[in-house]
C-alpha atoms as a PDB file:
ATOM      1  CA  MET A   1     -80.615 -59.437 -20.880  1.00  0.00           C
ATOM      2  CA  ILE A   2     -76.624 -60.434 -21.292  1.00  0.00           C
ATOM      3  CA  VAL A   3     -77.610 -59.109 -25.187  1.00  0.00           C
ATOM      4  CA  GLU A   4     -79.145 -55.893 -23.549  1.00  0.00           C
ATOM      5  CA  THR A   5     -75.946 -55.843 -21.024  1.00  0.00           C
ATOM      6  CA  LEU A   6     -73.272 -55.867 -24.226  1.00  0.00           C
ATOM      7  CA  SER A   7     -75.051 -53.871 -26.038  1.00  0.00           C
ATOM      8  CA  PHE A   8     -72.750 -50.802 -25.094  1.00  0.00           C
ATOM      9  CA  LEU A   9     -70.127 -53.180 -27.488  1.00  0.00           C
ATOM     10  CA  THR A  10     -71.998 -52.407 -30.449  1.00  0.00           C
ATOM     11  CA  ALA A  11     -70.951 -49.831 -33.046  1.00  0.00           C
ATOM     12  CA  GLY A  12     -71.198 -46.238 -32.671  1.00  0.00           C
ATOM     13  CA  GLY A  13     -71.910 -46.776 -28.784  1.00  0.00           C
ATOM     14  CA  LEU A  14     -70.454 -44.788 -25.947  1.00  0.00           C
ATOM     15  CA  PHE A  15     -67.043 -47.478 -26.128  1.00  0.00           C
ATOM     16  CA  ASP A  16     -65.558 -48.882 -29.132  1.00  0.00           C
ATOM     17  CA  PHE A  17     -63.708 -51.647 -27.776  1.00  0.00           C
ATOM     18  CA  ASP A  18     -62.955 -53.397 -31.364  1.00  0.00           C
ATOM     19  CA  PHE A  19     -59.588 -54.139 -33.298  1.00  0.00           C
ATOM     20  CA  THR A  20     -58.959 -50.206 -33.869  1.00  0.00           C
ATOM     21  CA  PHE A  21     -59.159 -49.520 -30.147  1.00  0.00           C
ATOM     22  CA  PHE A  22     -56.259 -51.755 -29.650  1.00  0.00           C
ATOM     23  CA  ALA A  23     -54.537 -51.098 -32.718  1.00  0.00           C
ATOM     24  CA  GLU A  24     -54.323 -47.191 -31.796  1.00  0.00           C
ATOM     25  CA  ALA A  25     -53.482 -48.307 -28.508  1.00  0.00           C
ATOM     26  CA  PHE A  26     -50.409 -50.327 -29.861  1.00  0.00           C
ATOM     27  CA  LEU A  27     -49.432 -47.690 -32.199  1.00  0.00           C
ATOM     28  CA  PHE A  28     -49.507 -45.153 -29.326  1.00  0.00           C
ATOM     29  CA  ILE A  29     -46.767 -47.200 -26.788  1.00  0.00           C
ATOM     30  CA  SER A  30     -45.190 -47.923 -29.881  1.00  0.00           C
ATOM     31  CA  PHE A  31     -45.086 -44.177 -30.984  1.00  0.00           C
ATOM     32  CA  SER A  32     -44.682 -42.783 -27.242  1.00  0.00           C
ATOM     33  CA  PHE A  33     -41.476 -45.953 -27.217  1.00  0.00           C
ATOM     34  CA  ILE A  34     -39.938 -44.416 -30.138  1.00  0.00           C
ATOM     35  CA  VAL A  35     -40.184 -40.392 -29.331  1.00  0.00           C
ATOM     36  CA  THR A  36     -38.818 -40.952 -26.275  1.00  0.00           C
ATOM     37  CA  SER A  37     -36.373 -43.069 -27.402  1.00  0.00           C
ATOM     38  CA  VAL A  38     -34.937 -41.412 -30.675  1.00  0.00           C
ATOM     39  CA  PHE A  39     -36.089 -38.061 -29.365  1.00  0.00           C
ATOM     40  CA  LEU A  40     -36.778 -37.362 -25.578  1.00  0.00           C
ATOM     41  CA  ASN A  41     -33.560 -40.016 -24.287  1.00  0.00           C
ATOM     42  CA  PRO A  42     -30.862 -38.249 -26.695  1.00  0.00           C
ATOM     43  CA  ILE A  43     -32.012 -35.355 -25.725  1.00  0.00           C
ATOM     44  CA  SER A  44     -32.487 -36.391 -21.910  1.00  0.00           C
ATOM     45  CA  LYS A  45     -28.808 -37.633 -21.912  1.00  0.00           C
ATOM     46  CA  GLN A  46     -27.494 -34.215 -23.442  1.00  0.00           C
ATOM     47  CA  LEU A  47     -29.268 -32.459 -20.513  1.00  0.00           C
ATOM     48  CA  THR A  48     -27.805 -34.781 -17.242  1.00  0.00           C
ATOM     49  CA  GLU A  49     -24.107 -34.340 -18.899  1.00  0.00           C
ATOM     50  CA  ARG A  50     -24.564 -30.453 -19.109  1.00  0.00           C
ATOM     51  CA  SER A  51     -26.009 -30.600 -15.771  1.00  0.00           C
ATOM     52  CA  GLN A  52     -23.232 -32.759 -14.437  1.00  0.00           C
ATOM     53  CA  TYR A  53     -20.711 -30.729 -15.945  1.00  0.00           C
ATOM     54  CA  ILE A  54     -21.901 -27.631 -14.979  1.00  0.00           C
ATOM     55  CA  ASN A  55     -22.551 -29.103 -11.393  1.00  0.00           C
ATOM     56  CA  TYR A  56     -18.775 -30.363 -11.669  1.00  0.00           C
ATOM     57  CA  HIS A  57     -17.532 -26.805 -12.446  1.00  0.00           C
ATOM     58  CA  ILE A  58     -19.278 -25.234  -9.987  1.00  0.00           C
ATOM     59  CA  ARG A  59     -18.137 -27.809  -7.243  1.00  0.00           C
ATOM     60  CA  LYS A  60     -14.668 -27.144  -8.634  1.00  0.00           C
ATOM     61  CA  ALA A  61     -15.052 -23.215  -8.263  1.00  0.00           C
ATOM     62  CA  THR A  62     -16.633 -23.239  -5.397  1.00  0.00           C
ATOM     63  CA  PHE A  63     -13.254 -25.042  -3.936  1.00  0.00           C
ATOM     64  CA  TYR A  64     -11.002 -22.835  -5.585  1.00  0.00           C
ATOM     65  CA  LEU A  65     -12.774 -20.069  -3.931  1.00  0.00           C
ATOM     66  CA  ALA A  66     -13.045 -21.495  -0.540  1.00  0.00           C
ATOM     67  CA  CYS A  67      -8.943 -22.071  -0.900  1.00  0.00           C
ATOM     68  CA  SER A  68      -8.606 -18.868  -3.001  1.00  0.00           C
ATOM     69  CA  SER A  69     -10.573 -16.901   0.247  1.00  0.00           C
ATOM     70  CA  SER A  70      -8.069 -18.989   2.747  1.00  0.00           C
ATOM     71  CA  ILE A  71      -4.937 -17.908   1.064  1.00  0.00           C
ATOM     72  CA  PHE A  72      -6.833 -13.965   0.591  1.00  0.00           C
ATOM     73  CA  SER A  73      -7.043 -14.294   4.446  1.00  0.00           C
ATOM     74  CA  LYS A  74      -3.816 -16.005   5.245  1.00  0.00           C
ATOM     75  CA  THR A  75      -1.804 -13.054   2.882  1.00  0.00           C
ATOM     76  CA  LEU A  76      -3.843 -10.350   4.499  1.00  0.00           C
ATOM     77  CA  LEU A  77      -2.872 -11.692   8.106  1.00  0.00           C
ATOM     78  CA  PHE A  78       0.390 -11.724   6.762  1.00  0.00           C
ATOM     79  CA  LEU A  79       0.510  -8.310   5.489  1.00  0.00           C
ATOM     80  CA  THR A  80      -1.047  -6.426   8.299  1.00  0.00           C
ATOM     81  CA  LYS A  81       1.743  -7.816  10.564  1.00  0.00           C
ATOM     82  CA  GLU A  82       4.154  -6.808   8.177  1.00  0.00           C
ATOM     83  CA  SER A  83       2.737  -3.170   8.045  1.00  0.00           C
ATOM     84  CA  ASN A  84       2.942  -3.612  11.783  1.00  0.00           C
ATOM     85  CA  GLU A  85       6.432  -4.627  11.737  1.00  0.00           C
ATOM     86  CA  LEU A  86       7.417  -2.183   9.189  1.00  0.00           C
ATOM     87  CA  ASN A  87       5.449   0.936  11.280  1.00  0.00           C
ATOM     88  CA  ARG A  88       7.509  -0.231  14.650  1.00  0.00           C
ATOM     89  CA  GLN A  89      10.678  -0.322  12.813  1.00  0.00           C
ATOM     90  CA  LEU A  90      10.283   2.887  11.519  1.00  0.00           C
ATOM     91  CA  LYS A  91       9.204   4.572  14.565  1.00  0.00           C
ATOM     92  CA  VAL A  92      13.065   2.733  16.196  1.00  0.00           C
ATOM     93  CA  THR A  93      14.724   3.952  13.199  1.00  0.00           C
ATOM     94  CA  GLN A  94      12.958   7.312  13.514  1.00  0.00           C
ATOM     95  CA  THR A  95      13.636   7.638  17.502  1.00  0.00           C
ATOM     96  CA  PHE A  96      17.252   6.233  17.051  1.00  0.00           C
ATOM     97  CA  THR A  97      18.265   8.728  14.262  1.00  0.00           C
ATOM     98  CA  LYS A  98      16.515  11.529  15.739  1.00  0.00           C
ATOM     99  CA  ASN A  99      18.680  10.912  19.223  1.00  0.00           C
ATOM    100  CA  GLN A 100      21.832  10.258  16.831  1.00  0.00           C
ATOM    101  CA  PHE A 101      21.370  13.684  15.123  1.00  0.00           C
ATOM    102  CA  ASP A 102      20.535  15.653  18.671  1.00  0.00           C
ATOM    103  CA  ASN A 103      23.959  13.939  19.824  1.00  0.00           C
ATOM    104  CA  GLU A 104      25.201  14.818  16.671  1.00  0.00           C
ATOM    105  CA  ILE A 105      24.193  18.496  16.947  1.00  0.00           C
ATOM    106  CA  SER A 106      25.039  18.566  20.833  1.00  0.00           C
ATOM    107  CA  LEU A 107      28.411  17.422  20.004  1.00  0.00           C
ATOM    108  CA  VAL A 108      28.733  19.893  17.020  1.00  0.00           C
ATOM    109  CA  GLN A 109      27.750  22.728  19.437  1.00  0.00           C
ATOM    110  CA  ASN A 110      30.097  21.798  22.005  1.00  0.00           C
ATOM    111  CA  TYR A 111      32.815  21.770  19.697  1.00  0.00           C
ATOM    112  CA  SER A 112      31.624  25.094  18.246  1.00  0.00           C
ATOM    113  CA  PHE A 113      31.922  26.424  21.812  1.00  0.00           C
ATOM    114  CA  GLU A 114      35.013  25.225  22.870  1.00  0.00           C
ATOM    115  CA  LEU A 115      36.905  26.407  19.779  1.00  0.00           C
ATOM    116  CA  LEU A 116      35.036  30.036  20.484  1.00  0.00           C
ATOM    117  CA  LYS A 117      36.499  30.090  23.502  1.00  0.00           C
ATOM    118  CA  LYS A 118      39.689  29.143  22.796  1.00  0.00           C
ATOM    119  CA  VAL A 119      39.599  31.856  19.888  1.00  0.00           C
ATOM    120  CA  LYS A 120      38.427  34.349  21.804  1.00  0.00           C
ATOM    121  CA  GLY A 121      40.652  33.912  24.565  1.00  0.00           C
ATOM    122  CA  THR A 122      43.507  33.043  21.598  1.00  0.00           C
ATOM    123  CA  LEU A 123      42.204  36.870  19.882  1.00  0.00           C
ATOM    124  CA  ALA A 124      42.069  38.345  24.014  1.00  0.00           C
ATOM    125  CA  ILE A 125      45.651  37.774  24.806  1.00  0.00           C
ATOM    126  CA  GLN A 126      47.293  38.216  20.845  1.00  0.00           C
ATOM    127  CA  SER A 127      44.963  41.812  21.149  1.00  0.00           C
ATOM    128  CA  ALA A 128      46.173  42.588  24.601  1.00  0.00           C
ATOM    129  CA  TYR A 129      50.189  41.498  23.121  1.00  0.00           C
ATOM    130  CA  LEU A 130      49.510  43.681  20.191  1.00  0.00           C
ATOM    131  CA  LEU A 131      48.336  46.603  22.215  1.00  0.00           C
ATOM    132  CA  LYS A 132      51.095  46.104  24.377  1.00  0.00           C
ATOM    133  CA  GLN A 133      53.671  45.897  21.755  1.00  0.00           C
ATOM    134  CA  SER A 134      51.844  48.666  19.560  1.00  0.00           C
ATOM    135  CA  ASN A 135      51.949  51.183  22.877  1.00  0.00           C
ATOM    136  CA  LYS A 136      55.356  51.977  22.773  1.00  0.00           C
ATOM    137  CA  ASP A 137      55.099  52.292  18.619  1.00  0.00           C
ATOM    138  CA  LEU A 138      51.775  54.475  19.438  1.00  0.00           C
ATOM    139  CA  VAL A 139      53.610  56.629  22.285  1.00  0.00           C
ATOM    140  CA  LYS A 140      56.121  57.457  19.726  1.00  0.00           C
ATOM    141  CA  LEU A 141      53.990  57.739  16.695  1.00  0.00           C
ATOM    142  CA  THR A 142      51.815  60.338  18.726  1.00  0.00           C
ATOM    143  CA  ASN A 143      54.673  62.315  20.199  1.00  0.00           C
ATOM    144  CA  ASN A 144      56.317  62.704  16.549  1.00  0.00           C
ATOM    145  CA  PHE A 145      53.319  63.873  15.775  1.00  0.00           C
ATOM    146  CA  PHE A 146      52.487  66.100  18.378  1.00  0.00           C
ATOM    147  CA  ASP A 147      56.073  67.279  18.390  1.00  0.00           C
ATOM    148  CA  GLN A 148      55.900  68.162  14.932  1.00  0.00           C
ATOM    149  CA  GLN A 149      52.964  69.796  15.097  1.00  0.00           C
ATOM    150  CA  PHE A 150      53.813  72.099  18.297  1.00  0.00           C
ATOM    151  CA  LEU A 151      57.014  72.523  16.976  1.00  0.00           C
ATOM    152  CA  SER A 152      56.530  73.815  13.971  1.00  0.00           C
ATOM    153  CA  ASN A 153      53.318  75.733  15.853  1.00  0.00           C
ATOM    154  CA  TYR A 154      55.662  76.668  18.469  1.00  0.00           C
ATOM    155  CA  SER A 155      58.458  77.876  15.915  1.00  0.00           C
ATOM    156  CA  SER A 156      55.979  79.859  13.640  1.00  0.00           C
ATOM    157  CA  ALA A 157      54.768  81.740  17.275  1.00  0.00           C
ATOM    158  CA  ARG A 158      57.960  81.926  17.952  1.00  0.00           C
ATOM    159  CA  SER A 159      58.686  84.014  14.752  1.00  0.00           C
ATOM    160  CA  LEU A 160      55.566  86.331  15.567  1.00  0.00           C
ATOM    161  CA  PHE A 161      57.246  87.265  18.682  1.00  0.00           C
END
């Protein structure tokens, strides 16, 4: 019975547990160790280094992006405030300039009006004075003209009679 139960250990059976089985197991384990240590570990180490490098630079880029986003938002807020302030100052300046310009125009118009009143008054007075002064001369001139016309006509009419 014992022999019959050990018959599966005989050569050519389903499982051969002789020395070759242990030699193949030893070779498989040793080659696995060699392949792992010689080929896979350096590749794994290289992949790990690359992963760490990439992760480091991703974290660094994320930090820079967060900082730049914060700076950008602060800058945008500052520029918005400055733009609003400049618009306000522009409106104040425009209003002030318009008021000043309107005041200057009003002053110039008043000055021109006063000057024209003086000139009109002066011209009216001078015209009246000149008319008064020239009235005597005009009367003399008119009298001389009519005297010459009528006298010459009168003397020629007298000669007809």
